[in-house]
Amino acid sequence: HVHGLHHTGTGFARELIHDALNERHPQSASVQDSLLPYRESGLDYAKIYNQYHVSEDEGQHFQTVYPSFKYRVREFKRTKSAMDNAGNLVYMADLCTMEVTDSPNSNPEKELGANKKIIGNYLLQQWMPYWNSSSPYLVQKTPTLDVNFLESVKVMPTFHLIVVRHPMTSNSFGVTRAAWVWLDAWTHTLEMLADGKIEWFAVVTYESLVQYQDRVVEELMEVIENGRAKYGHLGQTRQLHLHSGVTQNDDPDSSTLSYLVPKERSIELWLKCLDNERCRSLLDDLTSSVFPYFGYTSVDDVLIEKDDEEVEVDLGEEGGGDDFEESSDEDHGDDKRNAKNRRRKLFLDLSSSPGPVGVAKEFGHVLFSSEGAMLEKFRANKSGGNDIDEEFVAHNYLGDLPPTELLQRMRGLMKKHAY
């Protein structure tokens, strides 16, 4: 399953995982296709498309077991629910697993387990026609955080890829209080992961997928391969070998940085938040005490020239106000090094003010996962022992479970800023 909030890169992550799995194991992965059940019907394709196509081919639209996000929002508005409950919309299905019984003669654990298996089988039956059922990897994507629900009803080994993005750059809900929704949803999700309720998972930032795609995807494949051996009983883990055309650069590709720039509507809502005292206070607190655990950093404005590889950067006062043009392959070595050093000035201390947000170099990895011990060994082997201490000792939770101090800070902000 691929999880996350709306407009935070879940579709991008699904595509990357699908392609990487099929590259490693040809024709092994299948993503859901809303038209698949009707392709052999003999009907005209245009008619099939107009009648059955579902935007983004999301699993939430191919089932009736749990409420879709659209239904949740509609009911939220109809009942005029308070804004402090808005985060629940993202993980509402998780709340369905919190069952209580007052009967002293019942065995709630046994009864609940049986019910979950029935639910899981029914859900799988509804989803199966939209996959190539012969594929060993069935990839489902829905932009919610119903992670615990889907874990609870699973009937086969299940990996959860969870994508997180800075709340103001995407503003998933299109509301001024996006930071509050983000805090509620991610406090719930990270606490669940830290408590060991999810067997097999990885959390990545959208920003790291954009800036350090090859490295992050390679680590994700290692998490999947390791989990296959542990939870799927499919033999020993095997190292993923990316094709020879993929490079493992330490520095982000300048041509991808434009994907970090927030859209005009997000900037507008961001500014409205800063004009609201309570909203600004929360965003300032998140920026100073929570976002550093995700590696977030402000990025100076970037302009990509689409017709060539030229990159212009306004470095402002720090760069002397000059525009920077990236060196071409014909430039001398010194010029390339100078260009590389100046490009690093793109990444500044994180600000609460509107602008592009990326991650620092040491966070260009899987952020949290169930396979922490394996990732630690993999990274050590990958680096040859050269830079591993510098990158990971200061952030020793990278690739492991969410740290206790992060969750304490998030819970504290939930109490401090409750509406």
Protein backbone atom coordinates (compact mmCIF):
# COMPACT_ATOMS: atom_id res chain seq x y z
CA HIS A 1 0.00 0.00 0.00
CA VAL A 2 1.14 3.55 -0.74
CA HIS A 3 -0.15 6.06 1.83
CA GLY A 4 0.05 9.81 2.39
CA LEU A 5 -2.00 12.99 2.32
CA HIS A 6 -3.47 14.40 -0.91
CA HIS A 7 -0.99 16.12 -3.25
CA THR A 8 2.05 14.83 -1.36
CA GLY A 9 3.55 12.52 -3.98
CA THR A 10 1.73 9.21 -3.43
CA GLY A 11 1.21 8.78 -7.17
CA PHE A 12 4.88 9.57 -7.82
CA ALA A 13 5.94 7.07 -5.15
CA ARG A 14 3.68 4.38 -6.61
CA GLU A 15 5.22 4.87 -10.03
CA LEU A 16 8.77 4.68 -8.67
CA ILE A 17 8.09 1.50 -6.69
CA HIS A 18 6.25 -0.15 -9.57
CA ASP A 19 9.07 0.59 -12.02
CA ALA A 20 11.83 -0.47 -9.59
CA LEU A 21 10.12 -3.77 -8.76
CA ASN A 22 9.60 -4.60 -12.42
CA GLU A 23 13.20 -3.70 -13.18
CA ARG A 24 14.44 -6.03 -10.46
CA HIS A 25 11.90 -8.77 -11.16
CA PRO A 26 10.43 -8.31 -14.67
CA GLN A 27 6.63 -8.21 -14.81
CA SER A 28 6.43 -8.81 -11.07
CA ALA A 29 4.42 -5.75 -10.01
CA SER A 30 0.94 -4.61 -10.96
CA VAL A 31 -0.76 -1.32 -10.14
CA GLN A 32 -4.54 -1.03 -10.13
CA ASP A 33 -6.19 -0.04 -13.41
CA SER A 34 -9.81 1.13 -13.40
CA LEU A 35 -10.29 -0.07 -16.99
CA LEU A 36 -8.76 -3.54 -16.63
CA PRO A 37 -12.02 -5.45 -15.94
CA TYR A 38 -13.58 -4.02 -19.10
CA ARG A 39 -10.74 -4.21 -21.63
CA GLU A 40 -11.88 -7.60 -22.97
CA SER A 41 -15.55 -6.61 -23.17
CA GLY A 42 -15.42 -5.77 -26.86
CA LEU A 43 -16.75 -2.28 -26.21
CA ASP A 44 -15.22 0.78 -27.83
CA TYR A 45 -12.25 2.01 -25.77
CA ALA A 46 -13.50 5.60 -25.69
CA LYS A 47 -16.83 4.42 -24.31
CA ILE A 48 -15.09 2.26 -21.70
CA TYR A 49 -12.85 5.14 -20.70
CA ASN A 50 -15.68 7.65 -20.36
CA GLN A 51 -17.80 5.25 -18.33
CA TYR A 52 -15.30 3.49 -16.08
CA HIS A 53 -12.10 5.51 -15.83
CA VAL A 54 -11.28 6.63 -12.28
CA SER A 55 -8.85 9.47 -11.70
CA GLU A 56 -5.48 8.32 -10.31
CA ASP A 57 -6.68 4.66 -10.24
CA GLU A 58 -6.87 4.73 -6.44
CA GLY A 59 -7.89 1.68 -4.46
CA GLN A 60 -10.39 3.64 -2.37
CA HIS A 61 -12.66 3.88 -5.45
CA PHE A 62 -12.72 0.13 -6.14
CA GLN A 63 -14.23 -1.05 -2.86
CA THR A 64 -17.17 -0.61 -0.47
CA VAL A 65 -15.54 -1.87 2.73
CA TYR A 66 -14.42 1.48 4.17
CA PRO A 67 -15.41 5.09 3.36
CA SER A 68 -13.63 6.92 0.57
CA PHE A 69 -12.00 10.24 1.35
CA LYS A 70 -14.60 12.12 -0.68
CA TYR A 71 -17.38 10.57 1.42
CA ARG A 72 -15.57 11.49 4.64
CA VAL A 73 -15.24 15.13 3.60
CA ARG A 74 -18.88 15.29 2.58
CA GLU A 75 -20.02 13.93 5.96
CA PHE A 76 -17.59 16.21 7.78
CA LYS A 77 -19.17 19.23 6.12
CA ARG A 78 -22.72 17.96 6.53
CA THR A 79 -22.32 17.46 10.27
CA LYS A 80 -20.45 20.75 10.62
CA SER A 81 -17.67 19.05 12.58
CA ALA A 82 -15.13 21.15 14.44
CA MET A 83 -11.82 21.90 12.73
CA ASP A 84 -9.89 20.15 15.50
CA ASN A 85 -11.33 16.86 14.16
CA ALA A 86 -10.22 17.45 10.58
CA GLY A 87 -7.13 15.28 10.97
CA ASN A 88 -9.39 12.29 11.67
CA LEU A 89 -10.56 12.39 8.07
CA VAL A 90 -7.17 11.13 6.95
CA TYR A 91 -7.10 8.05 9.20
CA MET A 92 -10.82 7.48 9.82
CA ALA A 93 -10.70 3.81 8.81
CA ASP A 94 -8.12 3.22 11.56
CA LEU A 95 -10.76 4.20 14.11
CA CYS A 96 -12.88 1.26 12.92
CA THR A 97 -10.32 -1.16 14.38
CA MET A 98 -10.70 0.25 17.91
CA GLU A 99 -13.44 -2.13 19.09
CA VAL A 100 -14.48 -2.64 22.73
CA THR A 101 -16.71 -5.31 24.32
CA ASP A 102 -18.46 -5.31 27.72
CA SER A 103 -19.29 -9.02 27.72
CA PRO A 104 -17.25 -10.93 30.35
CA ASN A 105 -17.71 -14.24 28.51
CA SER A 106 -16.47 -13.07 25.14
CA ASN A 107 -13.01 -13.45 23.65
CA PRO A 108 -12.64 -10.06 21.90
CA GLU A 109 -9.20 -10.83 20.49
CA LYS A 110 -10.37 -14.04 18.84
CA GLU A 111 -13.66 -12.54 17.62
CA LEU A 112 -12.01 -9.40 16.27
CA GLY A 113 -9.32 -11.43 14.51
CA ALA A 114 -11.95 -13.55 12.76
CA ASN A 115 -13.91 -10.48 11.68
CA LYS A 116 -10.81 -8.78 10.34
CA LYS A 117 -9.95 -11.82 8.23
CA ILE A 118 -13.44 -11.79 6.72
CA ILE A 119 -13.15 -8.06 6.01
CA GLY A 120 -9.70 -8.48 4.51
CA ASN A 121 -10.78 -11.26 2.17
CA TYR A 122 -13.80 -9.28 1.04
CA LEU A 123 -11.66 -6.20 0.39
CA LEU A 124 -9.18 -8.27 -1.60
CA GLN A 125 -12.00 -9.78 -3.68
CA GLN A 126 -13.20 -6.30 -4.59
CA TRP A 127 -9.72 -5.07 -5.48
CA MET A 128 -8.44 -8.12 -7.37
CA PRO A 129 -10.16 -7.49 -10.75
CA TYR A 130 -8.23 -4.22 -11.07
CA TRP A 131 -4.81 -5.92 -10.84
CA ASN A 132 -2.98 -8.41 -13.00
CA SER A 133 -3.61 -11.21 -10.51
CA SER A 134 -0.61 -13.22 -11.74
CA SER A 135 1.79 -10.57 -10.40
CA PRO A 136 3.42 -11.34 -7.03
CA TYR A 137 3.44 -7.63 -6.09
CA LEU A 138 0.02 -5.95 -6.06
CA VAL A 139 0.40 -2.19 -5.59
CA GLN A 140 -2.50 -0.14 -4.19
CA LYS A 141 -2.38 3.61 -3.65
CA THR A 142 -4.82 5.84 -1.78
CA PRO A 143 -3.96 9.31 -0.39
CA THR A 144 -5.03 8.60 3.20
CA LEU A 145 -3.28 7.30 6.31
CA ASP A 146 -5.53 4.29 7.00
CA VAL A 147 -2.39 2.30 7.71
CA ASN A 148 -3.52 0.47 10.84
CA PHE A 149 -6.84 -0.54 9.28
CA LEU A 150 -5.21 -2.06 6.20
CA GLU A 151 -2.60 -3.74 8.39
CA SER A 152 -5.31 -5.17 10.65
CA VAL A 153 -7.34 -6.74 7.83
CA LYS A 154 -4.42 -8.02 5.73
CA VAL A 155 -4.63 -11.61 4.55
CA MET A 156 -1.15 -11.76 3.00
CA PRO A 157 2.26 -10.17 3.74
CA THR A 158 1.76 -6.42 3.32
CA PHE A 159 4.30 -3.61 2.93
CA HIS A 160 3.27 -0.02 3.68
CA LEU A 161 5.08 2.82 1.91
CA ILE A 162 4.15 6.07 3.67
CA VAL A 163 4.97 9.43 2.07
CA VAL A 164 5.21 12.64 4.13
CA ARG A 165 5.54 16.18 2.78
CA HIS A 166 5.91 19.60 4.40
CA PRO A 167 2.30 20.67 5.11
CA MET A 168 2.41 24.17 3.69
CA THR A 169 4.04 23.45 0.33
CA SER A 170 1.26 21.11 -0.78
CA ASN A 171 -1.58 22.12 1.60
CA SER A 172 -3.48 18.87 1.07
CA PHE A 173 -6.76 20.14 2.49
CA GLY A 174 -6.67 23.59 0.88
CA VAL A 175 -7.25 25.24 4.25
CA THR A 176 -5.40 27.82 6.31
CA ARG A 177 -4.98 25.37 9.20
CA ALA A 178 -3.16 22.75 7.14
CA ALA A 179 -0.38 22.60 9.74
CA TRP A 180 -2.87 21.45 12.41
CA VAL A 181 -4.30 18.71 10.17
CA TRP A 182 -0.76 17.57 9.36
CA LEU A 183 0.21 17.46 13.04
CA ASP A 184 -2.88 15.46 14.03
CA ALA A 185 -2.58 12.95 11.19
CA TRP A 186 1.15 12.37 11.55
CA THR A 187 1.09 12.16 15.35
CA HIS A 188 -1.45 9.35 15.01
CA THR A 189 0.53 7.57 12.28
CA LEU A 190 4.02 7.86 13.77
CA GLU A 191 2.81 6.75 17.21
CA MET A 192 1.33 3.65 15.60
CA LEU A 193 4.60 2.87 13.84
CA ALA A 194 6.64 3.44 17.01
CA ASP A 195 4.32 1.14 18.99
CA GLY A 196 5.07 -1.73 16.64
CA LYS A 197 1.52 -2.05 15.29
CA ILE A 198 2.71 -2.12 11.68
CA GLU A 199 4.88 -5.11 10.81
CA TRP A 200 6.54 -4.01 7.56
CA PHE A 201 6.81 -0.37 6.49
CA ALA A 202 8.96 2.52 5.31
CA VAL A 203 8.40 6.28 5.65
CA VAL A 204 9.99 8.61 3.11
CA THR A 205 9.68 12.33 2.53
CA TYR A 206 8.43 13.48 -0.84
CA GLU A 207 11.30 15.96 -0.83
CA SER A 208 13.91 13.18 -0.56
CA LEU A 209 12.26 11.29 -3.42
CA VAL A 210 12.59 14.39 -5.57
CA GLN A 211 16.15 15.31 -4.60
CA TYR A 212 17.76 11.90 -4.00
CA GLN A 213 15.50 9.59 -5.97
CA ASP A 214 17.99 6.86 -6.86
CA ARG A 215 19.37 6.50 -3.36
CA VAL A 216 15.96 6.49 -1.64
CA VAL A 217 14.44 4.01 -4.10
CA GLU A 218 17.43 1.72 -3.73
CA GLU A 219 16.92 1.70 0.05
CA LEU A 220 13.19 1.09 -0.38
CA MET A 221 13.94 -1.94 -2.52
CA GLU A 222 16.22 -3.27 0.20
CA VAL A 223 13.42 -2.83 2.76
CA ILE A 224 11.05 -4.72 0.45
CA GLU A 225 13.52 -7.52 -0.28
CA ASN A 226 14.35 -7.91 3.40
CA GLY A 227 10.67 -8.01 4.29
CA ARG A 228 9.98 -10.62 1.63
CA ALA A 229 12.42 -12.93 3.36
CA LYS A 230 11.06 -12.23 6.86
CA TYR A 231 7.33 -11.95 6.32
CA GLY A 232 6.75 -13.57 2.95
CA HIS A 233 8.86 -16.68 3.59
CA LEU A 234 10.35 -16.41 0.12
CA GLY A 235 13.95 -17.18 0.90
CA GLN A 236 16.97 -15.01 1.52
CA THR A 237 17.03 -11.31 0.81
CA ARG A 238 18.79 -10.27 -2.38
CA GLN A 239 20.47 -6.98 -3.06
CA LEU A 240 18.79 -4.79 -5.65
CA HIS A 241 21.04 -3.86 -8.56
CA LEU A 242 19.84 -0.81 -10.45
CA HIS A 243 20.49 -0.72 -14.17
CA SER A 244 23.73 0.81 -15.37
CA GLY A 245 22.05 4.01 -16.51
CA VAL A 246 21.19 5.03 -12.94
CA THR A 247 23.70 7.17 -11.13
CA GLN A 248 24.08 7.45 -7.35
CA ASN A 249 25.00 11.10 -6.95
CA ASP A 250 25.40 12.67 -3.52
CA ASP A 251 24.01 15.98 -4.72
CA PRO A 252 20.44 16.53 -5.95
CA ASP A 253 19.78 17.00 -9.64
CA SER A 254 19.11 20.70 -10.21
CA SER A 255 16.48 19.89 -12.84
CA THR A 256 14.24 18.31 -10.17
CA LEU A 257 14.23 21.23 -7.73
CA SER A 258 11.28 22.93 -9.45
CA TYR A 259 9.05 20.15 -8.05
CA LEU A 260 9.71 21.55 -4.58
CA VAL A 261 8.21 24.95 -5.41
CA PRO A 262 4.73 25.39 -3.83
CA LYS A 263 1.85 26.30 -6.10
CA GLU A 264 0.33 29.77 -6.02
CA ARG A 265 -2.72 28.61 -4.02
CA SER A 266 -0.50 27.00 -1.38
CA ILE A 267 1.50 30.20 -1.02
CA GLU A 268 -1.72 32.19 -0.65
CA LEU A 269 -2.94 29.91 2.17
CA TRP A 270 0.52 29.92 3.74
CA LEU A 271 0.43 33.71 3.95
CA LYS A 272 -3.06 33.59 5.47
CA CYS A 273 -1.75 31.24 8.13
CA LEU A 274 1.03 33.67 8.98
CA ASP A 275 -1.56 36.44 9.34
CA ASN A 276 -3.44 34.34 11.90
CA GLU A 277 -1.78 34.42 15.32
CA ARG A 278 -2.72 30.86 16.36
CA CYS A 279 -1.84 29.38 13.00
CA ARG A 280 1.50 31.21 12.86
CA SER A 281 2.36 30.11 16.39
CA LEU A 282 1.81 26.45 15.52
CA LEU A 283 3.79 26.72 12.29
CA ASP A 284 6.67 28.41 14.12
CA ASP A 285 6.69 25.64 16.74
CA LEU A 286 6.63 22.93 14.08
CA THR A 287 9.44 24.65 12.19
CA SER A 288 11.68 24.90 15.24
CA SER A 289 10.98 21.63 17.09
CA VAL A 290 9.41 19.02 14.75
CA PHE A 291 10.37 19.63 11.13
CA PRO A 292 14.13 19.25 11.85
CA TYR A 293 13.49 15.53 12.51
CA PHE A 294 12.35 15.24 8.89
CA GLY A 295 15.41 17.07 7.61
CA TYR A 296 13.45 19.94 6.10
CA THR A 297 15.36 22.94 4.85
CA SER A 298 14.37 26.02 2.89
CA VAL A 299 15.43 26.13 -0.76
CA ASP A 300 16.23 29.35 -2.57
CA ASP A 301 14.13 30.15 -5.65
CA VAL A 302 15.05 28.03 -8.68
CA LEU A 303 14.24 28.64 -12.35
CA ILE A 304 14.55 25.68 -14.71
CA GLU A 305 15.08 26.36 -18.41
CA LYS A 306 13.12 23.54 -20.03
CA ASP A 307 14.87 23.66 -23.38
CA ASP A 308 18.33 22.94 -22.02
CA GLU A 309 20.13 22.09 -18.81
CA GLU A 310 20.81 25.67 -17.83
CA VAL A 311 19.86 26.53 -14.25
CA GLU A 312 19.53 30.07 -12.94
CA VAL A 313 19.58 30.65 -9.21
CA ASP A 314 18.97 33.82 -7.26
CA LEU A 315 21.31 33.49 -4.30
CA GLY A 316 20.19 36.79 -2.79
CA GLU A 317 22.42 38.50 -0.25
CA GLU A 318 24.24 35.28 0.59
CA GLY A 319 25.36 34.86 -3.00
CA GLY A 320 25.99 38.52 -3.70
CA GLY A 321 22.80 38.90 -5.74
CA ASP A 322 24.27 37.44 -8.92
CA ASP A 323 22.52 34.88 -11.09
CA PHE A 324 24.24 31.51 -11.22
CA GLU A 325 24.54 29.45 -14.36
CA GLU A 326 25.51 25.82 -13.86
CA SER A 327 28.75 24.77 -15.51
CA SER A 328 28.58 22.70 -18.66
CA ASP A 329 30.56 19.52 -19.25
CA GLU A 330 33.18 21.53 -21.15
CA ASP A 331 34.05 23.68 -18.11
CA HIS A 332 37.31 23.13 -16.27
CA GLY A 333 37.39 21.12 -13.03
CA ASP A 334 37.79 24.20 -10.84
CA ASP A 335 34.72 25.78 -12.40
CA LYS A 336 32.69 22.64 -11.71
CA ARG A 337 33.78 22.58 -8.08
CA ASN A 338 32.92 26.25 -7.65
CA ALA A 339 29.52 25.67 -9.22
CA LYS A 340 28.90 22.73 -6.89
CA ASN A 341 29.86 24.77 -3.82
CA ARG A 342 27.58 27.64 -4.84
CA ARG A 343 24.70 25.27 -5.54
CA ARG A 344 24.92 24.07 -1.95
CA LYS A 345 23.98 27.59 -0.87
CA LEU A 346 20.54 26.82 -2.26
CA PHE A 347 19.79 24.92 0.95
CA LEU A 348 19.21 27.34 3.80
CA ASP A 349 17.95 27.11 7.39
CA LEU A 350 14.25 26.24 7.43
CA SER A 351 11.94 29.24 7.56
CA SER A 352 8.24 29.59 8.42
CA SER A 353 7.85 31.93 5.45
CA PRO A 354 6.50 30.72 2.07
CA GLY A 355 8.97 29.16 -0.32
CA PRO A 356 10.36 25.87 -1.65
CA VAL A 357 11.21 23.23 0.98
CA GLY A 358 13.69 20.39 0.51
CA VAL A 359 15.71 18.12 2.78
CA ALA A 360 19.32 18.27 3.87
CA LYS A 361 21.75 15.83 2.27
CA GLU A 362 21.89 13.49 5.27
CA PHE A 363 18.12 13.04 5.03
CA GLY A 364 18.21 11.81 1.44
CA HIS A 365 17.36 8.32 2.68
CA VAL A 366 14.46 6.27 3.99
CA LEU A 367 13.37 8.24 7.05
CA PHE A 368 11.77 5.53 9.24
CA SER A 369 11.23 1.82 8.68
CA SER A 370 10.61 -1.56 10.27
CA GLU A 371 13.92 -2.81 8.86
CA GLY A 372 16.27 -0.49 10.74
CA ALA A 373 18.99 -3.03 11.53
CA MET A 374 19.20 -4.16 7.91
CA LEU A 375 19.32 -0.59 6.62
CA GLU A 376 22.12 0.28 9.01
CA LYS A 377 24.24 -2.59 7.66
CA PHE A 378 23.30 -1.79 4.06
CA ARG A 379 24.31 1.85 4.41
CA ALA A 380 27.58 0.92 6.10
CA ASN A 381 28.44 -1.48 3.28
CA LYS A 382 27.38 1.05 0.66
CA SER A 383 29.58 3.78 2.07
CA GLY A 384 32.55 1.52 2.64
CA GLY A 385 32.72 3.02 6.13
CA ASN A 386 33.80 6.43 4.81
CA ASP A 387 31.00 8.88 5.61
CA ILE A 388 28.51 6.74 7.49
CA ASP A 389 29.42 8.12 10.93
CA GLU A 390 29.18 11.73 9.84
CA GLU A 391 25.78 11.23 8.22
CA PHE A 392 24.00 9.00 10.70
CA VAL A 393 25.43 9.36 14.21
CA ALA A 394 23.84 12.79 14.65
CA HIS A 395 20.53 11.40 13.35
CA ASN A 396 20.74 7.80 14.58
CA TYR A 397 17.00 7.21 14.10
CA LEU A 398 17.23 7.49 10.29
CA GLY A 399 15.84 4.29 8.82
CA ASP A 400 14.59 3.03 12.19
CA LEU A 401 11.42 3.64 14.24
CA PRO A 402 10.24 7.22 14.87
CA PRO A 403 12.18 8.51 17.92
CA THR A 404 10.46 8.99 21.27
CA GLU A 405 11.55 12.61 21.58
CA LEU A 406 9.88 13.47 18.26
CA LEU A 407 6.59 11.92 19.37
CA GLN A 408 6.79 13.73 22.71
CA ARG A 409 7.21 17.04 20.91
CA MET A 410 4.32 16.32 18.57
CA ARG A 411 2.02 15.31 21.44
CA GLY A 412 3.05 18.46 23.31
CA LEU A 413 2.14 20.65 20.34
CA MET A 414 -1.20 18.84 19.98
CA LYS A 415 -2.06 19.86 23.56
CA LYS A 416 -0.64 23.36 23.29
CA HIS A 417 -2.41 24.26 20.06
CA ALA A 418 -5.68 22.31 20.37
CA TYR A 419 -8.58 24.23 18.83
